[in-house]
C-alpha atoms as a PDB file:
ATOM      1  CA  UNK A   1      15.190  -3.030  12.117  1.00  0.00           C
ATOM      2  CA  UNK A   2      13.238  -6.213  11.432  1.00  0.00           C
ATOM      3  CA  UNK A   3      13.686  -7.520   7.892  1.00  0.00           C
ATOM      4  CA  UNK A   4      10.892  -9.181   5.933  1.00  0.00           C
ATOM      5  CA  UNK A   5      10.426 -12.924   5.785  1.00  0.00           C
ATOM      6  CA  UNK A   6       8.270 -15.035   3.495  1.00  0.00           C
ATOM      7  CA  UNK A   7       7.575 -18.198   5.464  1.00  0.00           C
ATOM      8  CA  UNK A   8       6.873 -21.323   3.394  1.00  0.00           C
ATOM      9  CA  UNK A   9       3.437 -21.743   5.040  1.00  0.00           C
ATOM     10  CA  UNK A  10       2.337 -18.332   6.362  1.00  0.00           C
ATOM     11  CA  UNK A  11       3.120 -16.391   3.181  1.00  0.00           C
ATOM     12  CA  UNK A  12       1.136 -18.607   0.730  1.00  0.00           C
ATOM     13  CA  UNK A  13      -1.712 -18.853   3.237  1.00  0.00           C
ATOM     14  CA  UNK A  14      -1.849 -15.068   3.723  1.00  0.00           C
ATOM     15  CA  UNK A  15      -1.798 -14.570  -0.055  1.00  0.00           C
ATOM     16  CA  UNK A  16      -4.701 -16.983  -0.462  1.00  0.00           C
ATOM     17  CA  UNK A  17      -6.545 -15.378   2.480  1.00  0.00           C
ATOM     18  CA  UNK A  18      -6.038 -11.874   1.064  1.00  0.00           C
ATOM     19  CA  UNK A  19      -7.385 -12.999  -2.289  1.00  0.00           C
ATOM     20  CA  UNK A  20     -10.651 -14.356  -0.878  1.00  0.00           C
ATOM     21  CA  UNK A  21     -11.199 -12.508   2.419  1.00  0.00           C
ATOM     22  CA  UNK A  22     -12.462  -9.232   0.840  1.00  0.00           C
ATOM     23  CA  UNK A  23     -15.077 -11.174  -1.129  1.00  0.00           C
ATOM     24  CA  UNK A  24     -16.246 -12.852   2.071  1.00  0.00           C
ATOM     25  CA  UNK A  25     -16.207  -9.658   4.142  1.00  0.00           C
ATOM     26  CA  UNK A  26     -17.936  -7.356   1.666  1.00  0.00           C
ATOM     27  CA  UNK A  27     -21.151  -7.613  -0.295  1.00  0.00           C
ATOM     28  CA  UNK A  28     -19.329  -6.498  -3.420  1.00  0.00           C
ATOM     29  CA  UNK A  29     -15.702  -5.842  -4.338  1.00  0.00           C
ATOM     30  CA  UNK A  30     -14.774  -3.741  -7.362  1.00  0.00           C
ATOM     31  CA  UNK A  31     -11.325  -2.819  -8.599  1.00  0.00           C
ATOM     32  CA  UNK A  32     -11.353   0.326 -10.763  1.00  0.00           C
ATOM     33  CA  UNK A  33      -8.221   0.857 -12.810  1.00  0.00           C
ATOM     34  CA  UNK A  34      -6.617   1.439 -16.170  1.00  0.00           C
ATOM     35  CA  UNK A  35      -3.462  -0.291 -15.156  1.00  0.00           C
ATOM     36  CA  UNK A  36      -0.389  -1.061 -17.223  1.00  0.00           C
ATOM     37  CA  UNK A  37       2.060  -3.491 -15.661  1.00  0.00           C
ATOM     38  CA  UNK A  38       5.447  -2.143 -16.770  1.00  0.00           C
ATOM     39  CA  UNK A  39       7.396  -5.202 -15.615  1.00  0.00           C
ATOM     40  CA  UNK A  40       9.262  -3.126 -13.017  1.00  0.00           C
ATOM     41  CA  UNK A  41       9.484  -3.340  -9.223  1.00  0.00           C
ATOM     42  CA  UNK A  42       6.330  -1.775  -7.760  1.00  0.00           C
ATOM     43  CA  UNK A  43       6.007   0.780  -4.969  1.00  0.00           C
ATOM     44  CA  UNK A  44       2.321   0.957  -4.028  1.00  0.00           C
ATOM     45  CA  UNK A  45       1.086   3.879  -1.897  1.00  0.00           C
ATOM     46  CA  UNK A  46      -2.336   3.731  -0.265  1.00  0.00           C
ATOM     47  CA  UNK A  47      -4.623   5.606   2.093  1.00  0.00           C
ATOM     48  CA  UNK A  48      -4.369   4.168   5.618  1.00  0.00           C
ATOM     49  CA  UNK A  49      -7.945   3.887   6.896  1.00  0.00           C
ATOM     50  CA  UNK A  50      -8.522   0.458   8.477  1.00  0.00           C
ATOM     51  CA  UNK A  51      -7.127  -2.853   9.645  1.00  0.00           C
ATOM     52  CA  UNK A  52      -8.173  -4.125   6.202  1.00  0.00           C
ATOM     53  CA  UNK A  53      -5.395  -2.174   4.465  1.00  0.00           C
ATOM     54  CA  UNK A  54      -2.769  -4.914   4.362  1.00  0.00           C
ATOM     55  CA  UNK A  55      -5.285  -7.410   3.007  1.00  0.00           C
ATOM     56  CA  UNK A  56      -6.462  -4.924   0.390  1.00  0.00           C
ATOM     57  CA  UNK A  57      -2.943  -4.202  -0.826  1.00  0.00           C
ATOM     58  CA  UNK A  58      -2.274  -7.933  -1.131  1.00  0.00           C
ATOM     59  CA  UNK A  59      -5.601  -8.317  -2.939  1.00  0.00           C
ATOM     60  CA  UNK A  60      -4.627  -5.653  -5.490  1.00  0.00           C
ATOM     61  CA  UNK A  61      -1.318  -7.419  -5.972  1.00  0.00           C
ATOM     62  CA  UNK A  62      -2.959 -10.806  -6.636  1.00  0.00           C
ATOM     63  CA  UNK A  63      -5.288  -9.232  -9.197  1.00  0.00           C
ATOM     64  CA  UNK A  64      -2.921  -6.907 -11.050  1.00  0.00           C
ATOM     65  CA  UNK A  65       0.783  -7.427 -10.402  1.00  0.00           C
ATOM     66  CA  UNK A  66       1.577 -10.800  -8.814  1.00  0.00           C
ATOM     67  CA  UNK A  67       4.785  -9.492  -7.250  1.00  0.00           C
ATOM     68  CA  UNK A  68       6.413 -10.668  -4.026  1.00  0.00           C
ATOM     69  CA  UNK A  69       4.937  -8.200  -1.492  1.00  0.00           C
ATOM     70  CA  UNK A  70       6.794  -6.374   1.267  1.00  0.00           C
ATOM     71  CA  UNK A  71       4.986  -4.057   3.685  1.00  0.00           C
ATOM     72  CA  UNK A  72       6.697  -1.296   5.664  1.00  0.00           C
ATOM     73  CA  UNK A  73       5.299  -1.072   9.211  1.00  0.00           C
ATOM     74  CA  UNK A  74       6.163   0.955  12.299  1.00  0.00           C
ATOM     75  CA  UNK A  75       8.429  -1.192  14.428  1.00  0.00           C
ATOM     76  CA  UNK A  76       6.236  -1.064  17.540  1.00  0.00           C
ATOM     77  CA  UNK A  77       3.228  -2.201  15.493  1.00  0.00           C
ATOM     78  CA  UNK A  78       5.128  -5.049  13.857  1.00  0.00           C
ATOM     79  CA  UNK A  79       6.509  -6.270  17.186  1.00  0.00           C
ATOM     80  CA  UNK A  80       2.929  -6.528  18.439  1.00  0.00           C
ATOM     81  CA  UNK A  81       1.966  -8.621  15.366  1.00  0.00           C
ATOM     82  CA  UNK A  82       5.100 -10.566  14.531  1.00  0.00           C
ATOM     83  CA  UNK A  83       3.187 -13.143  12.471  1.00  0.00           C
ATOM     84  CA  UNK A  84       2.980 -10.427   9.783  1.00  0.00           C
ATOM     85  CA  UNK A  85       6.772 -10.527   9.495  1.00  0.00           C
ATOM     86  CA  UNK A  86       6.394 -14.040   8.051  1.00  0.00           C
ATOM     87  CA  UNK A  87       4.185 -12.640   5.283  1.00  0.00           C
ATOM     88  CA  UNK A  88       6.569  -9.922   4.091  1.00  0.00           C
ATOM     89  CA  UNK A  89       6.280  -7.125   6.678  1.00  0.00           C
ATOM     90  CA  UNK A  90       9.409  -5.262   7.778  1.00  0.00           C
ATOM     91  CA  UNK A  91       9.944  -2.408  10.211  1.00  0.00           C
ATOM     92  CA  UNK A  92      10.899   1.225  10.393  1.00  0.00           C
ATOM     93  CA  UNK A  93      11.481   3.033  13.672  1.00  0.00           C
ATOM     94  CA  UNK A  94      10.809   6.739  13.342  1.00  0.00           C
ATOM     95  CA  UNK A  95      13.387   9.093  14.806  1.00  0.00           C
ATOM     96  CA  UNK A  96      16.036   6.389  15.198  1.00  0.00           C
ATOM     97  CA  UNK A  97      19.342   5.703  13.455  1.00  0.00           C
ATOM     98  CA  UNK A  98      17.903   2.468  12.118  1.00  0.00           C
ATOM     99  CA  UNK A  99      15.298   4.410  10.087  1.00  0.00           C
ATOM    100  CA  UNK A 100      17.890   5.071   7.380  1.00  0.00           C
ATOM    101  CA  UNK A 101      18.722   1.354   7.347  1.00  0.00           C
ATOM    102  CA  UNK A 102      15.020   0.655   6.689  1.00  0.00           C
ATOM    103  CA  UNK A 103      14.990   3.151   3.811  1.00  0.00           C
ATOM    104  CA  UNK A 104      18.070   1.580   2.231  1.00  0.00           C
ATOM    105  CA  UNK A 105      16.561  -1.872   2.726  1.00  0.00           C
ATOM    106  CA  UNK A 106      13.444  -0.678   0.894  1.00  0.00           C
ATOM    107  CA  UNK A 107      15.603   0.460  -2.031  1.00  0.00           C
ATOM    108  CA  UNK A 108      17.295  -2.967  -2.066  1.00  0.00           C
ATOM    109  CA  UNK A 109      13.900  -4.669  -2.292  1.00  0.00           C
ATOM    110  CA  UNK A 110      12.924  -2.366  -5.147  1.00  0.00           C
ATOM    111  CA  UNK A 111      16.055  -3.320  -7.087  1.00  0.00           C
ATOM    112  CA  UNK A 112      14.373  -6.583  -8.135  1.00  0.00           C
ATOM    113  CA  UNK A 113      11.548  -6.580 -10.730  1.00  0.00           C
ATOM    114  CA  UNK A 114       9.685  -9.385  -8.980  1.00  0.00           C
ATOM    115  CA  UNK A 115       9.168  -7.358  -5.800  1.00  0.00           C
ATOM    116  CA  UNK A 116       6.562  -4.948  -4.486  1.00  0.00           C
ATOM    117  CA  UNK A 117       6.762  -2.579  -1.515  1.00  0.00           C
ATOM    118  CA  UNK A 118       3.545  -1.327   0.080  1.00  0.00           C
ATOM    119  CA  UNK A 119       3.678   1.952   2.012  1.00  0.00           C
ATOM    120  CA  UNK A 120       1.203   4.104   3.917  1.00  0.00           C
ATOM    121  CA  UNK A 121       2.937   7.502   4.166  1.00  0.00           C
ATOM    122  CA  UNK A 122       0.255   8.827   6.546  1.00  0.00           C
ATOM    123  CA  UNK A 123       2.128   6.752   9.135  1.00  0.00           C
ATOM    124  CA  UNK A 124      -0.918   5.546  11.053  1.00  0.00           C
ATOM    125  CA  UNK A 125      -4.608   4.826  10.527  1.00  0.00           C
ATOM    126  CA  UNK A 126      -6.762   7.905   9.945  1.00  0.00           C
ATOM    127  CA  UNK A 127     -10.472   8.391   9.417  1.00  0.00           C
ATOM    128  CA  UNK A 128     -11.768   7.592   5.955  1.00  0.00           C
ATOM    129  CA  UNK A 129     -13.324  11.080   5.972  1.00  0.00           C
ATOM    130  CA  UNK A 130     -10.138  13.017   6.762  1.00  0.00           C
ATOM    131  CA  UNK A 131      -9.180  15.450   4.013  1.00  0.00           C
ATOM    132  CA  UNK A 132      -6.648  16.456   2.920  1.00  0.00           C
ATOM    133  CA  UNK A 133      -4.335  13.542   3.631  1.00  0.00           C
ATOM    134  CA  UNK A 134      -0.934  14.412   5.081  1.00  0.00           C
ATOM    135  CA  UNK A 135       2.213  12.378   4.396  1.00  0.00           C
ATOM    136  CA  UNK A 136       5.132  12.051   6.746  1.00  0.00           C
ATOM    137  CA  UNK A 137       8.502  12.999   5.281  1.00  0.00           C
ATOM    138  CA  UNK A 138      11.018  10.223   5.993  1.00  0.00           C
ATOM    139  CA  UNK A 139       9.682   7.566   3.612  1.00  0.00           C
ATOM    140  CA  UNK A 140      10.443   9.772   0.603  1.00  0.00           C
ATOM    141  CA  UNK A 141      14.202   9.248   0.980  1.00  0.00           C
ATOM    142  CA  UNK A 142      13.837   5.826  -0.644  1.00  0.00           C
ATOM    143  CA  UNK A 143      13.882   7.537  -4.063  1.00  0.00           C
ATOM    144  CA  UNK A 144      17.378   8.835  -3.311  1.00  0.00           C
ATOM    145  CA  UNK A 145      18.745   5.288  -3.087  1.00  0.00           C
ATOM    146  CA  UNK A 146      17.055   3.819  -6.168  1.00  0.00           C
ATOM    147  CA  UNK A 147      19.489   2.975  -8.958  1.00  0.00           C
ATOM    148  CA  UNK A 148      16.914   1.912 -11.574  1.00  0.00           C
ATOM    149  CA  UNK A 149      13.339   2.940 -12.475  1.00  0.00           C
ATOM    150  CA  UNK A 150      10.380   1.527 -10.588  1.00  0.00           C
ATOM    151  CA  UNK A 151       6.620   1.644 -11.086  1.00  0.00           C
ATOM    152  CA  UNK A 152       4.800   3.782  -8.524  1.00  0.00           C
ATOM    153  CA  UNK A 153       1.115   3.065  -8.006  1.00  0.00           C
ATOM    154  CA  UNK A 154      -1.520   4.952  -5.991  1.00  0.00           C
ATOM    155  CA  UNK A 155      -4.558   3.230  -4.537  1.00  0.00           C
ATOM    156  CA  UNK A 156      -7.557   4.511  -2.596  1.00  0.00           C
ATOM    157  CA  UNK A 157      -9.999   2.202  -0.792  1.00  0.00           C
ATOM    158  CA  UNK A 158     -13.592   3.377  -0.334  1.00  0.00           C
ATOM    159  CA  UNK A 159     -16.335   1.695   1.737  1.00  0.00           C
ATOM    160  CA  UNK A 160     -20.085   2.264   1.333  1.00  0.00           C
ATOM    161  CA  UNK A 161     -23.128   0.476   2.754  1.00  0.00           C
ATOM    162  CA  UNK A 162     -25.802   1.963   0.494  1.00  0.00           C
ATOM    163  CA  UNK A 163     -29.024   0.022   1.265  1.00  0.00           C
ATOM    164  CA  UNK A 164     -27.294  -3.164   2.419  1.00  0.00           C
ATOM    165  CA  UNK A 165     -26.297  -4.542   5.818  1.00  0.00           C
ATOM    166  CA  UNK A 166     -22.867  -5.399   4.392  1.00  0.00           C
ATOM    167  CA  UNK A 167     -20.645  -2.702   2.884  1.00  0.00           C
ATOM    168  CA  UNK A 168     -19.353  -2.558  -0.656  1.00  0.00           C
ATOM    169  CA  UNK A 169     -15.636  -2.137  -1.270  1.00  0.00           C
ATOM    170  CA  UNK A 170     -14.412  -0.032  -4.176  1.00  0.00           C
ATOM    171  CA  UNK A 171     -10.670   0.243  -4.824  1.00  0.00           C
ATOM    172  CA  UNK A 172      -9.297   2.862  -7.215  1.00  0.00           C
ATOM    173  CA  UNK A 173      -5.825   2.296  -8.643  1.00  0.00           C
ATOM    174  CA  UNK A 174      -3.642   4.328 -10.981  1.00  0.00           C
ATOM    175  CA  UNK A 175      -0.049   4.550 -12.151  1.00  0.00           C
ATOM    176  CA  UNK A 176       1.932   7.594 -11.029  1.00  0.00           C
ATOM    177  CA  UNK A 177       4.878   9.344 -12.667  1.00  0.00           C
ATOM    178  CA  UNK A 178       7.114  10.012  -9.666  1.00  0.00           C
ATOM    179  CA  UNK A 179      10.297  11.178 -11.373  1.00  0.00           C
ATOM    180  CA  UNK A 180      11.437  14.639 -10.389  1.00  0.00           C
ATOM    181  CA  UNK A 181       8.616  15.059  -7.847  1.00  0.00           C
ATOM    182  CA  UNK A 182       9.127  16.372  -4.321  1.00  0.00           C
ATOM    183  CA  UNK A 183       7.406  14.779  -1.334  1.00  0.00           C
ATOM    184  CA  UNK A 184       5.004  17.740  -1.095  1.00  0.00           C
ATOM    185  CA  UNK A 185       4.061  17.363  -4.771  1.00  0.00           C
ATOM    186  CA  UNK A 186       3.516  13.607  -4.387  1.00  0.00           C
ATOM    187  CA  UNK A 187       1.269  14.347  -1.405  1.00  0.00           C
ATOM    188  CA  UNK A 188      -0.665  16.916  -3.434  1.00  0.00           C
ATOM    189  CA  UNK A 189      -1.021  14.523  -6.380  1.00  0.00           C
ATOM    190  CA  UNK A 190      -2.230  11.741  -4.098  1.00  0.00           C
ATOM    191  CA  UNK A 191      -4.819  14.105  -2.642  1.00  0.00           C
ATOM    192  CA  UNK A 192      -6.033  14.940  -6.144  1.00  0.00           C
ATOM    193  CA  UNK A 193      -6.348  11.237  -6.885  1.00  0.00           C
ATOM    194  CA  UNK A 194      -8.153  10.783  -3.563  1.00  0.00           C
ATOM    195  CA  UNK A 195     -10.642  13.532  -4.449  1.00  0.00           C
ATOM    196  CA  UNK A 196     -11.138  12.041  -7.907  1.00  0.00           C
ATOM    197  CA  UNK A 197     -11.859   8.645  -6.335  1.00  0.00           C
ATOM    198  CA  UNK A 198     -14.435  10.221  -3.991  1.00  0.00           C
ATOM    199  CA  UNK A 199     -16.083  11.939  -6.959  1.00  0.00           C
ATOM    200  CA  UNK A 200     -16.292   8.661  -8.867  1.00  0.00           C
ATOM    201  CA  UNK A 201     -17.684   6.959  -5.789  1.00  0.00           C
ATOM    202  CA  UNK A 202     -20.409   9.610  -5.413  1.00  0.00           C
ATOM    203  CA  UNK A 203     -21.449   9.039  -9.020  1.00  0.00           C
ATOM    204  CA  UNK A 204     -22.166   5.388  -8.187  1.00  0.00           C
ATOM    205  CA  UNK A 205     -24.968   6.299  -5.769  1.00  0.00           C
END
């Protein structure tokens, strides 16, 4: 597996870029949340819908948590974009022996309160309109290796043009009580949050 790095130049630059890029790329950016920062390591789970996703997760972090971010990526995708490794990305190779090493490495990252791990359990980019969302199974094993509590956070990114040439970005974020939940229940709960976010988005029209 490829472990995360936080290069002295690339990491601060990417953090700065992620903070301002959404505001340059979208007509309007709104973060909708009732978020309580519990002072714990953060595992953030999002819907995987665009190349924007990594920037959006970093943006949420700069606004709400200010943790040191780590992003799990498929190994073949990370190898094709190795500059992301210098900004906190690390790899998992599905179906290989090293996949368990990646899961244990994730648990090690989440042992430190100043860290965040960003995951997209769908595994790859899907259409924004796909419903319900389906999670792959392997990522869930990280909970088995956690020794202390963490804060799990869901986020859903929604894009709408309305009457403008440039789209608006609305990001919905909520805390999630993960303890005692199976992977199928977490998937179902994320889908409920996803539907709730769509409903809130419709009400904005």
